[in-house]
Protein backbone atom coordinates (compact mmCIF):
# COMPACT_ATOMS: atom_id res chain seq x y z
CA UNK A 1 13.51 18.25 4.60
CA UNK A 2 12.36 21.44 6.33
CA UNK A 3 8.65 22.15 6.33
CA UNK A 4 7.42 25.40 4.85
CA UNK A 5 4.28 27.34 5.60
CA UNK A 6 1.28 27.64 3.32
CA UNK A 7 2.19 31.29 2.73
CA UNK A 8 5.71 30.29 1.62
CA UNK A 9 4.30 27.67 -0.77
CA UNK A 10 1.93 30.21 -2.32
CA UNK A 11 4.72 32.77 -2.63
CA UNK A 12 6.88 30.23 -4.48
CA UNK A 13 4.10 29.08 -6.81
CA UNK A 14 2.58 32.48 -7.53
CA UNK A 15 5.70 34.63 -7.05
CA UNK A 16 4.80 37.04 -9.88
CA UNK A 17 1.15 37.37 -8.88
CA UNK A 18 1.32 36.88 -5.11
CA UNK A 19 0.45 40.48 -4.19
CA UNK A 20 -2.60 40.44 -6.51
CA UNK A 21 -3.84 37.18 -4.99
CA UNK A 22 -3.75 38.29 -1.36
CA UNK A 23 -7.19 38.09 0.23
CA UNK A 24 -8.65 35.94 -2.55
CA UNK A 25 -9.90 32.41 -2.06
CA UNK A 26 -7.50 29.94 -3.62
CA UNK A 27 -7.99 26.25 -4.15
CA UNK A 28 -5.01 23.92 -4.25
CA UNK A 29 -5.14 20.41 -5.60
CA UNK A 30 -2.51 17.83 -4.71
CA UNK A 31 -1.67 15.17 -7.24
CA UNK A 32 0.16 11.92 -6.81
CA UNK A 33 2.21 10.89 -9.78
CA UNK A 34 2.76 7.15 -9.42
CA UNK A 35 6.36 6.08 -9.42
CA UNK A 36 7.95 2.70 -8.97
CA UNK A 37 7.36 2.29 -5.26
CA UNK A 38 6.34 -0.18 -2.59
CA UNK A 39 5.01 2.34 -0.08
CA UNK A 40 3.63 -0.09 2.52
CA UNK A 41 4.54 -3.63 3.49
CA UNK A 42 2.96 -4.66 6.75
CA UNK A 43 2.19 -7.94 8.50
CA UNK A 44 -0.37 -8.27 11.26
CA UNK A 45 -1.62 -11.14 13.38
CA UNK A 46 -5.09 -10.02 14.42
CA UNK A 47 -6.68 -11.70 17.39
CA UNK A 48 -10.26 -10.62 16.80
CA UNK A 49 -12.58 -12.00 14.12
CA UNK A 50 -13.96 -8.52 13.35
CA UNK A 51 -10.65 -7.51 11.74
CA UNK A 52 -11.00 -10.26 9.13
CA UNK A 53 -14.69 -9.50 8.61
CA UNK A 54 -14.07 -5.76 8.15
CA UNK A 55 -11.28 -6.47 5.67
CA UNK A 56 -13.86 -8.42 3.66
CA UNK A 57 -11.89 -11.64 3.92
CA UNK A 58 -15.10 -13.65 4.28
CA UNK A 59 -16.91 -12.54 1.10
CA UNK A 60 -16.70 -13.26 -2.62
CA UNK A 61 -14.70 -16.37 -3.42
CA UNK A 62 -13.86 -16.63 0.30
CA UNK A 63 -17.55 -16.68 1.34
CA UNK A 64 -18.05 -18.75 4.45
CA UNK A 65 -14.33 -19.14 5.15
CA UNK A 66 -13.02 -18.30 8.60
CA UNK A 67 -9.58 -16.70 8.50
CA UNK A 68 -9.47 -15.95 12.22
CA UNK A 69 -6.01 -16.69 13.57
CA UNK A 70 -4.26 -16.31 10.21
CA UNK A 71 -1.63 -13.68 9.59
CA UNK A 72 -2.45 -10.88 7.17
CA UNK A 73 0.13 -9.32 4.85
CA UNK A 74 -0.62 -5.98 3.24
CA UNK A 75 1.38 -4.46 0.39
CA UNK A 76 0.66 -1.16 -1.38
CA UNK A 77 2.38 -0.41 -4.71
CA UNK A 78 2.58 2.18 -7.44
CA UNK A 79 2.03 1.98 -10.31
CA UNK A 80 -1.14 0.28 -9.22
CA UNK A 81 -1.06 -2.41 -11.91
CA UNK A 82 2.12 -3.79 -10.30
CA UNK A 83 -0.15 -5.46 -7.76
CA UNK A 84 -0.84 -8.20 -10.32
CA UNK A 85 2.86 -9.14 -10.42
CA UNK A 86 3.07 -8.82 -6.63
CA UNK A 87 0.17 -11.25 -6.17
CA UNK A 88 1.80 -13.73 -8.52
CA UNK A 89 5.13 -13.46 -6.71
CA UNK A 90 3.51 -13.86 -3.28
CA UNK A 91 1.68 -17.02 -4.36
CA UNK A 92 4.84 -18.50 -5.91
CA UNK A 93 7.09 -17.73 -2.94
CA UNK A 94 4.97 -19.15 -0.10
CA UNK A 95 1.82 -21.07 0.77
CA UNK A 96 -0.53 -18.06 1.04
CA UNK A 97 -3.91 -17.03 -0.33
CA UNK A 98 -4.97 -13.77 -1.93
CA UNK A 99 -7.46 -12.13 0.41
CA UNK A 100 -7.89 -9.01 -1.71
CA UNK A 101 -6.24 -7.44 -4.73
CA UNK A 102 -7.08 -4.07 -6.28
CA UNK A 103 -5.30 -3.16 -9.51
CA UNK A 104 -6.94 0.28 -9.48
CA UNK A 105 -5.27 1.42 -6.24
CA UNK A 106 -2.38 -1.04 -5.88
CA UNK A 107 -3.51 -2.84 -2.73
CA UNK A 108 -2.75 -6.48 -2.00
CA UNK A 109 -3.82 -8.48 1.06
CA UNK A 110 -2.57 -12.01 1.55
CA UNK A 111 -3.44 -14.47 4.31
CA UNK A 112 -1.97 -17.63 5.74
CA UNK A 113 0.35 -18.99 8.38
CA UNK A 114 2.54 -16.25 9.91
CA UNK A 115 5.80 -17.71 8.65
CA UNK A 116 4.40 -18.15 5.13
CA UNK A 117 2.98 -14.61 5.03
CA UNK A 118 6.30 -13.18 6.22
CA UNK A 119 8.13 -15.11 3.51
CA UNK A 120 5.69 -13.99 0.80
CA UNK A 121 5.83 -10.31 1.78
CA UNK A 122 9.63 -10.22 2.14
CA UNK A 123 10.23 -12.10 -1.12
CA UNK A 124 7.78 -9.87 -3.01
CA UNK A 125 9.24 -6.62 -1.66
CA UNK A 126 12.78 -7.91 -2.27
CA UNK A 127 12.03 -8.80 -5.88
CA UNK A 128 10.50 -5.39 -6.57
CA UNK A 129 13.59 -3.68 -5.14
CA UNK A 130 16.31 -5.98 -6.47
CA UNK A 131 14.98 -6.97 -9.89
CA UNK A 132 12.54 -4.22 -10.85
CA UNK A 133 14.34 -1.21 -9.37
CA UNK A 134 11.45 -0.05 -7.18
CA UNK A 135 11.94 2.16 -4.15
CA UNK A 136 10.71 0.11 -1.22
CA UNK A 137 9.81 0.61 2.40
CA UNK A 138 10.73 -1.64 5.29
CA UNK A 139 8.56 -4.66 6.01
CA UNK A 140 6.87 -4.13 9.38
CA UNK A 141 5.25 -6.70 11.61
CA UNK A 142 2.94 -6.02 14.53
């Protein structure tokens, strides 16, 4: 897809009024209309305890737990409520724990052994693509 300039966007949107709007301050708002999408699936193996602490993996029901050395799988979905099904699938497909789940923005973080986290993320993304018809991204590992 070719990129277009701000001027070209405004000309397309306000084609009938473009000349009258020149020189005026305009405010544009971008909206995201949630579709059926897995837009991020990422696995990391942090080596520093601060990563786990800053992800909040040591608070709430995980208070006092040390997740240092565990792999972290992150999945982002729309519609956001799909994260509930994703969490269920991840737990059923591998020996992982839910580190964080947010049904208001579609974020899921799982933790566990690297092999188990990889299995959980791949199985979850695969199910959403194969059985639910979601558009999905590649699963990345760093």
